[in-house]
Amino acid sequence: MANREKELEEEIYDKVVDLTEYAKRQRWWNRLFGKNSGPIAEKYSVATQIALGGVSGWCAGYVCQKVGKVAATAVGGGLLLLQIANNTGYIQVDWKRVEKDVNKAKKQLKKGTDKAGPELNSFVDKSTEFVKKNIVVTSGFIGGFLLGLAS
């Protein structure tokens, strides 16, 4: 009876080992994104890739947060100063002309948004290919970026 249990245990162990070997050869992102996908930086472990992507994403998110605050402050302050100058009589705004120019710009934007330029399509294709090839680093980067924006 003990001999049969030992054989059964070895058989289960062999199946588990076969499954882990299969998982190493068939990565989940290959099934999800295709055969030519996978990390370019395969010489680094998954943990290293996630850490590298996370740190670089956090730095980028933190910088975007700070730059965004400065830009929002500058634009808001400029609009506030223009409104104060308008109310005190230093400047006069022709609102009918502003409305006419805004409507003209809207029409031009509607015409131009129907067709995307070839350089934009090329950039999107290259970005998609990069994300497919570096899914581990990219996921770390996105997580780090969101954390950087929140900090």
Protein backbone atom coordinates (compact mmCIF):
# COMPACT_ATOMS: atom_id res chain seq x y z
CA MET A 1 0.00 0.00 0.00
CA ALA A 2 2.83 2.39 0.86
CA ASN A 3 4.46 1.55 -2.46
CA ARG A 4 1.29 2.50 -4.37
CA GLU A 5 1.03 5.82 -2.51
CA LYS A 6 4.65 6.57 -3.35
CA GLU A 7 4.04 5.86 -7.05
CA LEU A 8 0.94 8.04 -7.01
CA GLU A 9 2.88 10.84 -5.33
CA GLU A 10 5.64 10.64 -7.95
CA GLU A 11 3.06 10.69 -10.74
CA ILE A 12 1.42 13.81 -9.31
CA TYR A 13 4.84 15.42 -8.87
CA ASP A 14 5.73 14.67 -12.50
CA LYS A 15 2.45 16.25 -13.67
CA VAL A 16 3.07 19.35 -11.54
CA VAL A 17 6.60 19.70 -12.91
CA ASP A 18 5.29 19.28 -16.45
CA LEU A 19 2.71 21.99 -15.77
CA THR A 20 5.34 24.42 -14.47
CA GLU A 21 7.55 23.74 -17.47
CA TYR A 22 4.58 24.34 -19.76
CA ALA A 23 3.81 27.60 -17.95
CA LYS A 24 7.41 28.74 -18.42
CA ARG A 25 7.25 28.09 -22.15
CA GLN A 26 3.74 29.49 -22.65
CA ARG A 27 3.66 32.83 -20.90
CA TRP A 28 0.26 34.36 -20.24
CA TRP A 29 1.04 37.45 -22.28
CA ASN A 30 1.89 35.27 -25.30
CA ARG A 31 -1.63 33.88 -25.19
CA LEU A 32 -3.08 37.32 -24.59
CA PHE A 33 -1.00 39.43 -27.00
CA GLY A 34 0.34 36.97 -29.56
CA LYS A 35 3.42 34.88 -30.25
CA ASN A 36 5.88 37.72 -30.90
CA SER A 37 5.12 39.43 -27.60
CA GLY A 38 7.07 39.17 -24.39
CA PRO A 39 9.58 41.23 -22.49
CA ILE A 40 12.58 42.45 -24.44
CA ALA A 41 14.56 42.62 -21.21
CA GLU A 42 14.24 38.90 -20.50
CA LYS A 43 17.63 38.84 -18.80
CA TYR A 44 16.02 40.60 -15.81
CA SER A 45 13.60 38.87 -13.49
CA VAL A 46 9.94 39.81 -13.47
CA ALA A 47 10.32 41.44 -10.04
CA THR A 48 13.20 43.60 -11.32
CA GLN A 49 11.20 44.65 -14.37
CA ILE A 50 8.17 45.57 -12.27
CA ALA A 51 10.36 47.48 -9.80
CA LEU A 52 12.16 49.35 -12.59
CA GLY A 53 8.86 50.23 -14.28
CA GLY A 54 7.30 51.24 -10.96
CA VAL A 55 10.15 53.54 -9.94
CA SER A 56 10.36 55.22 -13.34
CA GLY A 57 6.56 55.54 -13.44
CA TRP A 58 6.47 57.08 -9.96
CA CYS A 59 9.12 59.64 -10.97
CA ALA A 60 7.23 60.52 -14.16
CA GLY A 61 3.92 60.79 -12.27
CA TYR A 62 5.45 62.98 -9.58
CA VAL A 63 6.96 65.34 -12.17
CA CYS A 64 3.67 65.48 -14.11
CA GLN A 65 1.83 66.31 -10.90
CA LYS A 66 4.17 69.19 -10.05
CA VAL A 67 4.26 70.56 -13.61
CA GLY A 68 0.47 70.28 -13.82
CA LYS A 69 0.03 72.28 -10.63
CA VAL A 70 2.36 75.01 -11.89
CA ALA A 71 0.60 75.14 -15.26
CA ALA A 72 -2.85 75.27 -13.66
CA THR A 73 -1.72 78.03 -11.32
CA ALA A 74 -0.25 80.04 -14.19
CA VAL A 75 -3.33 79.72 -16.41
CA GLY A 76 -5.74 80.42 -13.55
CA GLY A 77 -3.69 83.39 -12.34
CA GLY A 78 -3.52 84.81 -15.85
CA LEU A 79 -7.27 84.53 -16.30
CA LEU A 80 -7.83 86.11 -12.90
CA LEU A 81 -5.54 89.05 -13.75
CA LEU A 82 -7.28 89.55 -17.10
CA GLN A 83 -10.68 89.58 -15.41
CA ILE A 84 -9.49 92.09 -12.80
CA ALA A 85 -8.01 94.31 -15.53
CA ASN A 86 -11.24 94.09 -17.50
CA ASN A 87 -13.40 95.00 -14.48
CA THR A 88 -11.23 97.96 -13.47
CA GLY A 89 -11.26 99.36 -17.02
CA TYR A 90 -7.61 98.81 -17.99
CA ILE A 91 -8.62 96.67 -20.96
CA GLN A 92 -11.78 96.34 -23.03
CA VAL A 93 -12.75 92.93 -24.47
CA ASP A 94 -14.79 92.73 -27.65
CA TRP A 95 -16.86 89.68 -26.68
CA LYS A 96 -18.65 89.47 -30.04
CA ARG A 97 -15.30 89.16 -31.82
CA VAL A 98 -14.10 86.56 -29.28
CA GLU A 99 -17.26 84.51 -29.85
CA LYS A 100 -16.84 84.74 -33.64
CA ASP A 101 -13.20 83.59 -33.43
CA VAL A 102 -14.08 80.71 -31.10
CA ASN A 103 -16.82 79.49 -33.44
CA LYS A 104 -14.42 79.72 -36.39
CA ALA A 105 -11.83 77.69 -34.48
CA LYS A 106 -14.48 75.08 -33.59
CA LYS A 107 -15.36 74.61 -37.26
CA GLN A 108 -11.71 74.19 -38.22
CA LEU A 109 -11.17 71.65 -35.45
CA LYS A 110 -14.20 69.64 -36.53
CA LYS A 111 -12.85 69.46 -40.08
CA GLY A 112 -9.36 68.44 -38.98
CA THR A 113 -10.36 65.72 -36.51
CA ASP A 114 -11.96 63.45 -39.11
CA LYS A 115 -8.62 62.24 -40.46
CA ALA A 116 -5.62 61.31 -38.36
CA GLY A 117 -2.20 61.97 -39.79
CA PRO A 118 0.04 59.06 -40.81
CA GLU A 119 2.64 60.03 -38.22
CA LEU A 120 0.02 59.67 -35.47
CA ASN A 121 -0.95 56.21 -36.74
CA SER A 122 2.72 55.24 -36.90
CA PHE A 123 3.26 56.46 -33.33
CA VAL A 124 0.25 54.51 -32.07
CA ASP A 125 1.48 51.35 -33.82
CA LYS A 126 4.98 51.70 -32.37
CA SER A 127 3.57 52.37 -28.90
CA THR A 128 1.30 49.34 -29.09
CA GLU A 129 4.21 47.15 -30.18
CA PHE A 130 6.37 48.48 -27.32
CA VAL A 131 3.65 47.76 -24.77
CA LYS A 132 3.20 44.23 -26.14
CA LYS A 133 6.93 43.54 -25.97
CA ASN A 134 7.33 45.01 -22.47
CA ILE A 135 4.06 44.20 -20.75
CA VAL A 136 5.70 43.61 -17.36
CA VAL A 137 7.66 46.88 -17.34
CA THR A 138 4.67 48.77 -18.72
CA SER A 139 2.34 47.50 -16.02
CA GLY A 140 4.88 48.53 -13.37
CA PHE A 141 5.21 51.94 -15.01
CA ILE A 142 1.46 52.52 -15.06
CA GLY A 143 1.11 51.58 -11.41
CA GLY A 144 4.05 53.77 -10.43
CA PHE A 145 2.72 56.66 -12.52
CA LEU A 146 -0.63 56.56 -10.76
CA LEU A 147 1.10 56.42 -7.38
CA GLY A 148 3.30 59.37 -8.40
CA LEU A 149 0.25 61.40 -9.37
CA ALA A 150 -1.38 60.60 -6.03
CA SER A 151 1.65 61.48 -3.88
